[in-house]
Amino acid sequence: MIISRRATLSGAAIAAAAAGLPGLARAQSKQAVVGTWGGDYGELLRQNIDVPLMQPQGIEILQDVANADPRKTKMLAERQARRGTMDVSCLSDTDMHMMAAQNTLDTLETGRLKRAESIVQALRKPYAIPHIYSALVLLYNPDKVTTPPTSFADMWDPKYRGRVGFSDILYSTNTFAAAMAGGGGFSDYRPAQAKLMELRSLDAKVYPSNEALAAALKGEEVWITPMWLARGFMWQKAGIPLRHAVPKEGAYAIVFEAGIPKNSRNKDQAYAYLDAMLQPQAQTAFADRMGYLPTVADASLPPEIAKQISLTEAEQARLRAPDYDYLLRAHGEILDFWNKQFKA
């Protein structure tokens, strides 16, 4: 997603927990370890949830910061352990589905989740709460891309040679864009391989993070990229000249979710954290800063923000959820091709 990601742990307390030691991380009974990407997302959690909503309850939040793949690896490695190192794990909907399918997550007890009824019906799942969501679009520099794109396939126009950029951490969504450009679909990414190699011959660039891609957009090294609408909103606020287009082939929604690992050590605190994530004021803060839409029915956005990050009815009609089961089966092949052939 989206987000500056550092594969480090937040302090000695988390390091002790990760090592399975009875150290500082568990010295207080009212703590919770939250696995997150860090960066903008982690800072917003601190500013709007960890400090204002959890501290008054006497709960200290420790962020375990890493990319999604190391976090998933940790969850899988710990699933047989009696006690894990995370109380809450934040992941994208696709990654969360993978973790649920591999029996790492609790089924949520709605009786312990006070805000359960506030969740938008279409976003409810038994194993995770939806926190924020957005849509995959094409971001482009209107000063350089003077004819607004309408299709993922527009990235293959030779006039954009060397000006198409990707965020490495979004390899799955980048592969989806290539598949759609090649005539594939939500359940068929096979055409992506030929299309990505074709784009490689057109000198497409891959950047290690969303922030690195943002710098390339700002410096006009990159003119067009597939990215979340919310991220484009945030970058526009930072002064990067950008517009967005919802591709005619169809785009999909991204939902960032939070679940409780089966072997969470502090489940009461974990449920309290999920409830805090669903508070309207916390969700509105993410919309204002990062452009992600709230997932609860009682959150109200200022009209000027809603206008920039919401989709028209026609655009919503082209928006679908990913095929989670297909991605679960194809994930290894997608990642292997991205790393060993496209990036090689």
Protein backbone atom coordinates (compact mmCIF):
# COMPACT_ATOMS: atom_id res chain seq x y z
CA MET A 1 0.00 0.00 0.00
CA ILE A 2 0.91 3.20 -0.05
CA ILE A 3 3.14 3.82 2.48
CA SER A 4 6.74 4.25 3.65
CA ARG A 5 7.80 0.91 5.02
CA ARG A 6 10.76 0.10 7.29
CA ALA A 7 11.47 -3.49 8.18
CA THR A 8 12.41 -2.62 11.76
CA LEU A 9 10.79 -3.03 15.14
CA SER A 10 9.69 -0.08 17.24
CA GLY A 11 12.15 -0.19 20.09
CA ALA A 12 13.66 -2.70 22.44
CA ALA A 13 10.27 -3.70 23.80
CA ILE A 14 9.17 -5.13 20.49
CA ALA A 15 12.55 -6.70 19.91
CA ALA A 16 12.18 -8.56 23.19
CA ALA A 17 8.71 -9.74 22.22
CA ALA A 18 9.84 -10.85 18.77
CA ALA A 19 12.54 -12.93 20.39
CA GLY A 20 9.95 -14.62 22.54
CA LEU A 21 11.48 -13.12 25.70
CA PRO A 22 9.49 -12.02 28.76
CA GLY A 23 11.08 -8.61 28.46
CA LEU A 24 9.95 -5.04 28.51
CA ALA A 25 7.27 -5.56 25.85
CA ARG A 26 5.14 -7.54 28.29
CA ALA A 27 6.18 -5.82 31.51
CA GLN A 28 2.86 -3.97 31.58
CA SER A 29 -0.38 -5.91 31.35
CA LYS A 30 -2.15 -3.25 29.27
CA GLN A 31 -0.10 -3.19 26.12
CA ALA A 32 -0.84 -4.22 22.56
CA VAL A 33 1.54 -4.84 19.67
CA VAL A 34 0.19 -3.65 16.31
CA GLY A 35 1.85 -4.90 13.13
CA THR A 36 1.85 -2.10 10.59
CA TRP A 37 3.71 -0.60 7.63
CA GLY A 38 4.90 2.43 9.56
CA GLY A 39 5.45 5.60 7.53
CA ASP A 40 2.42 7.80 6.94
CA TYR A 41 0.02 5.06 8.02
CA GLY A 42 1.87 4.35 11.25
CA GLU A 43 2.13 8.05 12.10
CA LEU A 44 -1.60 8.54 11.56
CA LEU A 45 -2.29 5.56 13.82
CA ARG A 46 -0.16 7.21 16.50
CA GLN A 47 -1.72 10.64 16.11
CA ASN A 48 -5.36 9.57 15.88
CA ILE A 49 -5.65 6.20 17.62
CA ASP A 50 -2.63 5.14 19.68
CA VAL A 51 -2.30 8.34 21.70
CA PRO A 52 -5.75 10.01 21.84
CA LEU A 53 -7.94 6.89 21.99
CA MET A 54 -5.81 4.16 23.58
CA GLN A 55 -3.72 6.03 26.14
CA PRO A 56 -6.80 7.33 28.02
CA GLN A 57 -7.81 3.67 28.41
CA GLY A 58 -4.42 2.97 29.97
CA ILE A 59 -3.31 0.90 26.96
CA GLU A 60 0.16 1.40 25.51
CA ILE A 61 0.47 0.65 21.80
CA LEU A 62 3.75 -0.66 20.39
CA GLN A 63 4.07 -0.68 16.60
CA ASP A 64 5.83 -3.63 14.96
CA VAL A 65 6.91 -2.03 11.68
CA ALA A 66 7.60 -4.05 8.54
CA ASN A 67 6.46 -4.58 4.96
CA ALA A 68 3.45 -6.83 4.46
CA ASP A 69 5.41 -9.89 3.29
CA PRO A 70 7.62 -10.13 6.41
CA ARG A 71 4.52 -9.64 8.57
CA LYS A 72 2.71 -12.47 6.79
CA THR A 73 5.80 -14.66 7.14
CA LYS A 74 5.88 -13.97 10.86
CA MET A 75 2.19 -14.82 11.23
CA LEU A 76 2.69 -18.11 9.41
CA ALA A 77 5.79 -18.98 11.43
CA GLU A 78 3.99 -18.28 14.70
CA ARG A 79 0.64 -19.91 14.00
CA GLN A 80 1.54 -23.06 15.97
CA ALA A 81 3.06 -21.11 18.85
CA ARG A 82 1.11 -20.75 22.07
CA ARG A 83 1.86 -17.03 22.22
CA GLY A 84 2.53 -14.79 19.25
CA THR A 85 4.29 -11.44 18.97
CA MET A 86 1.41 -9.42 17.47
CA ASP A 87 -1.98 -8.59 18.96
CA VAL A 88 -3.30 -6.83 15.86
CA SER A 89 -2.06 -7.22 12.30
CA CYS A 90 -2.82 -4.62 9.64
CA LEU A 91 -2.86 -5.87 6.04
CA SER A 92 -4.52 -5.23 2.72
CA ASP A 93 -7.70 -7.18 2.03
CA THR A 94 -5.89 -9.54 -0.35
CA ASP A 95 -3.14 -10.31 2.15
CA MET A 96 -5.65 -10.66 4.98
CA HIS A 97 -7.65 -13.18 2.96
CA MET A 98 -4.45 -15.19 2.45
CA MET A 99 -3.76 -15.17 6.18
CA ALA A 100 -7.33 -16.17 7.03
CA ALA A 101 -7.19 -19.04 4.54
CA GLN A 102 -4.05 -20.29 6.29
CA ASN A 103 -5.68 -20.30 9.71
CA THR A 104 -3.65 -17.54 11.34
CA LEU A 105 -6.56 -15.28 12.37
CA ASP A 106 -9.31 -15.40 14.94
CA THR A 107 -12.92 -15.24 13.85
CA LEU A 108 -14.00 -11.93 15.34
CA GLU A 109 -16.40 -12.05 18.27
CA THR A 110 -18.84 -9.27 17.44
CA GLY A 111 -19.97 -9.16 21.05
CA ARG A 112 -16.49 -7.90 21.97
CA LEU A 113 -16.46 -5.39 19.12
CA LYS A 114 -18.61 -2.46 20.20
CA ARG A 115 -18.48 -0.71 16.81
CA ALA A 116 -19.31 -3.78 14.71
CA GLU A 117 -22.74 -2.51 13.63
CA SER A 118 -21.28 0.73 12.30
CA ILE A 119 -19.27 -1.07 9.57
CA VAL A 120 -20.59 -0.62 6.03
CA GLN A 121 -22.40 -3.87 5.26
CA ALA A 122 -20.56 -4.63 2.00
CA LEU A 123 -17.19 -4.44 3.76
CA ARG A 124 -17.93 -6.79 6.67
CA LYS A 125 -15.88 -9.97 7.04
CA PRO A 126 -15.71 -12.58 9.79
CA TYR A 127 -11.93 -12.43 10.27
CA ALA A 128 -11.03 -8.70 10.04
CA ILE A 129 -12.43 -5.21 10.29
CA PRO A 130 -12.14 -2.86 7.31
CA HIS A 131 -10.25 0.28 8.28
CA ILE A 132 -10.03 2.46 5.16
CA TYR A 133 -10.48 1.89 1.42
CA SER A 134 -9.84 3.39 -2.00
CA ALA A 135 -9.67 2.40 -5.69
CA LEU A 136 -6.88 1.54 -8.11
CA VAL A 137 -6.62 4.25 -10.78
CA LEU A 138 -4.11 5.70 -13.21
CA LEU A 139 -2.29 8.73 -11.85
CA TYR A 140 -0.73 11.01 -14.46
CA ASN A 141 0.98 14.37 -14.83
CA PRO A 142 -1.44 16.54 -16.84
CA ASP A 143 1.43 18.77 -18.04
CA LYS A 144 3.09 15.78 -19.71
CA VAL A 145 0.15 13.49 -20.47
CA THR A 146 -1.99 16.04 -22.26
CA THR A 147 -4.64 13.57 -23.44
CA PRO A 148 -6.13 12.04 -20.29
CA PRO A 149 -5.70 8.24 -20.25
CA THR A 150 -8.78 6.05 -20.29
CA SER A 151 -7.22 2.60 -20.14
CA PHE A 152 -4.42 0.67 -18.46
CA ALA A 153 -3.26 -0.05 -22.01
CA ASP A 154 -2.34 3.62 -22.45
CA MET A 155 0.83 2.97 -20.44
CA TRP A 156 2.14 0.97 -23.41
CA ASP A 157 2.00 3.94 -25.78
CA PRO A 158 5.58 4.40 -27.10
CA LYS A 159 5.34 8.14 -26.48
CA TYR A 160 5.61 7.31 -22.76
CA ARG A 161 8.85 5.35 -23.17
CA GLY A 162 10.86 5.63 -19.96
CA ARG A 163 8.08 7.57 -18.24
CA VAL A 164 5.96 4.76 -16.83
CA GLY A 165 6.78 4.00 -13.21
CA PHE A 166 5.81 1.32 -10.69
CA SER A 167 6.08 0.98 -6.94
CA ASP A 168 7.82 -2.33 -6.26
CA ILE A 169 5.71 -3.11 -3.19
CA LEU A 170 2.57 -3.00 -5.35
CA TYR A 171 3.73 -5.84 -7.60
CA SER A 172 0.37 -7.60 -7.45
CA THR A 173 -1.68 -4.55 -8.47
CA ASN A 174 0.86 -3.65 -11.16
CA THR A 175 0.48 -7.18 -12.50
CA PHE A 176 -3.29 -6.76 -12.46
CA ALA A 177 -2.98 -3.57 -14.56
CA ALA A 178 -0.80 -5.39 -17.08
CA ALA A 179 -3.20 -8.33 -17.21
CA MET A 180 -6.15 -6.06 -17.91
CA ALA A 181 -4.20 -4.24 -20.62
CA GLY A 182 -3.49 -7.62 -22.22
CA GLY A 183 -7.10 -8.79 -22.23
CA GLY A 184 -7.02 -10.68 -18.94
CA GLY A 185 -9.40 -10.28 -16.05
CA PHE A 186 -9.88 -10.35 -12.31
CA SER A 187 -9.39 -14.13 -12.36
CA ASP A 188 -6.81 -14.33 -15.13
CA TYR A 189 -3.45 -12.57 -14.77
CA ARG A 190 -1.70 -14.73 -17.38
CA PRO A 191 -1.57 -12.03 -20.10
CA ALA A 192 0.42 -9.85 -17.69
CA GLN A 193 3.70 -11.63 -18.26
CA ALA A 194 3.98 -10.78 -21.95
CA LYS A 195 2.69 -7.25 -21.34
CA LEU A 196 5.15 -6.58 -18.53
CA MET A 197 8.08 -7.77 -20.64
CA GLU A 198 6.86 -5.52 -23.45
CA LEU A 199 6.76 -2.61 -21.01
CA ARG A 200 10.22 -3.50 -19.78
CA SER A 201 11.45 -3.05 -23.37
CA LEU A 202 9.87 0.43 -23.19
CA ASP A 203 12.13 1.24 -20.22
CA ALA A 204 9.49 1.17 -17.48
CA LYS A 205 10.95 2.05 -14.09
CA VAL A 206 10.47 0.31 -10.74
CA TYR A 207 10.90 2.23 -7.48
CA PRO A 208 11.42 0.58 -4.09
CA SER A 209 8.56 2.34 -2.30
CA ASN A 210 5.57 4.57 -2.82
CA GLU A 211 7.56 7.51 -1.49
CA ALA A 212 10.35 6.92 -4.02
CA LEU A 213 7.74 6.82 -6.79
CA ALA A 214 6.26 10.08 -5.49
CA ALA A 215 9.69 11.71 -5.72
CA ALA A 216 9.98 10.49 -9.32
CA LEU A 217 6.55 11.94 -10.15
CA LYS A 218 7.50 15.22 -8.53
CA GLY A 219 10.77 15.36 -10.47
CA GLU A 220 8.90 14.43 -13.69
CA GLU A 221 10.97 11.27 -14.19
CA VAL A 222 7.62 9.44 -14.22
CA TRP A 223 4.49 10.70 -15.95
CA ILE A 224 2.00 7.88 -15.42
CA THR A 225 1.52 5.05 -12.92
CA PRO A 226 -1.16 2.72 -11.54
CA MET A 227 -1.81 3.73 -7.94
CA TRP A 228 -4.51 4.12 -5.30
CA LEU A 229 -6.70 7.19 -5.72
CA ALA A 230 -6.11 8.00 -2.06
CA ARG A 231 -2.37 8.12 -2.55
CA GLY A 232 -2.82 10.48 -5.49
CA PHE A 233 -4.92 12.75 -3.29
CA MET A 234 -2.17 12.87 -0.68
CA TRP A 235 0.51 13.57 -3.27
CA GLN A 236 -1.55 16.35 -4.81
CA LYS A 237 -1.79 17.93 -1.36
CA ALA A 238 2.00 17.79 -1.24
CA GLY A 239 2.21 19.84 -4.43
CA ILE A 240 2.78 17.12 -7.05
CA PRO A 241 0.84 17.93 -10.25
CA LEU A 242 -1.45 14.91 -10.72
CA ARG A 243 -4.83 13.90 -12.08
CA HIS A 244 -6.48 10.49 -12.00
CA ALA A 245 -8.50 8.29 -14.35
CA VAL A 246 -10.53 5.17 -13.57
CA PRO A 247 -9.58 2.72 -16.37
CA LYS A 248 -12.35 1.53 -18.66
CA GLU A 249 -11.22 -2.12 -18.30
CA GLY A 250 -12.28 -2.03 -14.69
CA ALA A 251 -10.48 -1.27 -11.46
CA TYR A 252 -10.63 -2.78 -8.05
CA ALA A 253 -11.05 -1.53 -4.54
CA ILE A 254 -8.32 -1.80 -1.97
CA VAL A 255 -9.39 -2.19 1.64
CA PHE A 256 -6.86 -1.96 4.43
CA GLU A 257 -7.96 -4.19 7.27
CA ALA A 258 -7.01 -5.24 10.79
CA GLY A 259 -7.30 -8.71 12.30
CA ILE A 260 -6.36 -10.48 15.51
CA PRO A 261 -3.87 -13.37 15.26
CA LYS A 262 -5.11 -16.55 16.93
CA ASN A 263 -2.25 -16.46 19.42
CA SER A 264 -2.52 -12.77 20.35
CA ARG A 265 -1.41 -12.33 23.95
CA ASN A 266 -3.66 -9.38 24.73
CA LYS A 267 -7.04 -9.95 23.11
CA ASP A 268 -8.98 -7.49 25.26
CA GLN A 269 -6.59 -4.73 24.20
CA ALA A 270 -6.72 -5.98 20.60
CA TYR A 271 -10.52 -5.63 20.50
CA ALA A 272 -10.24 -2.18 22.07
CA TYR A 273 -7.83 -1.23 19.30
CA LEU A 274 -10.14 -2.46 16.54
CA ASP A 275 -12.97 -0.42 18.07
CA ALA A 276 -10.74 2.66 18.12
CA MET A 277 -9.87 2.15 14.44
CA LEU A 278 -13.61 2.26 13.69
CA GLN A 279 -14.22 5.56 15.48
CA PRO A 280 -15.56 8.21 13.05
CA GLN A 281 -13.03 10.86 14.06
CA ALA A 282 -10.11 8.52 13.47
CA GLN A 283 -11.38 7.49 10.04
CA THR A 284 -12.04 11.08 9.01
CA ALA A 285 -8.45 11.96 9.91
CA PHE A 286 -7.16 9.30 7.50
CA ALA A 287 -9.43 10.69 4.77
CA ASP A 288 -8.19 14.23 5.34
CA ARG A 289 -4.51 13.27 5.34
CA MET A 290 -4.33 10.25 3.01
CA GLY A 291 -7.54 10.36 1.00
CA TYR A 292 -8.92 6.97 2.03
CA LEU A 293 -12.66 6.58 2.41
CA PRO A 294 -14.20 5.64 5.79
CA THR A 295 -15.59 2.13 6.29
CA VAL A 296 -18.19 3.10 8.91
CA ALA A 297 -21.60 4.53 8.13
CA ASP A 298 -21.47 7.30 10.74
CA ALA A 299 -18.28 9.02 9.52
CA SER A 300 -18.95 12.29 7.73
CA LEU A 301 -16.42 13.79 5.32
CA PRO A 302 -16.15 17.51 4.54
CA PRO A 303 -17.70 18.09 1.08
CA GLU A 304 -14.46 19.36 -0.46
CA ILE A 305 -12.62 16.16 0.52
CA ALA A 306 -15.48 13.88 -0.50
CA LYS A 307 -15.48 15.50 -3.94
CA GLN A 308 -11.81 14.67 -4.48
CA ILE A 309 -11.69 11.09 -3.22
CA SER A 310 -15.13 9.70 -4.04
CA LEU A 311 -16.07 7.96 -7.29
CA THR A 312 -18.90 8.89 -9.65
CA GLU A 313 -21.71 6.39 -10.13
CA ALA A 314 -20.25 5.39 -13.51
CA GLU A 315 -16.81 4.87 -11.96
CA GLN A 316 -18.28 2.86 -9.09
CA ALA A 317 -19.92 0.58 -11.66
CA ARG A 318 -16.42 -0.38 -12.91
CA LEU A 319 -15.14 -1.05 -9.41
CA ARG A 320 -14.91 -4.62 -8.12
CA ALA A 321 -13.29 -6.56 -5.34
CA PRO A 322 -10.28 -8.71 -6.29
CA ASP A 323 -10.74 -12.44 -6.77
CA TYR A 324 -9.15 -13.37 -3.46
CA ASP A 325 -9.13 -17.10 -4.05
CA TYR A 326 -7.45 -16.69 -7.43
CA LEU A 327 -4.81 -14.41 -5.93
CA LEU A 328 -4.19 -16.89 -3.15
CA ARG A 329 -3.45 -19.59 -5.73
CA ALA A 330 -1.47 -17.33 -8.09
CA HIS A 331 0.44 -15.18 -5.59
CA GLY A 332 3.69 -17.17 -5.69
CA GLU A 333 3.78 -17.18 -9.48
CA ILE A 334 3.01 -13.44 -9.64
CA LEU A 335 5.79 -12.54 -7.20
CA ASP A 336 8.27 -14.94 -8.78
CA PHE A 337 7.75 -13.52 -12.28
CA TRP A 338 7.91 -9.93 -11.03
CA ASN A 339 11.19 -10.44 -9.20
CA LYS A 340 13.00 -12.92 -11.44
CA GLN A 341 11.97 -11.83 -14.91
CA PHE A 342 10.41 -8.39 -15.04
CA LYS A 343 12.85 -6.76 -12.61
CA ALA A 344 15.88 -8.90 -13.51
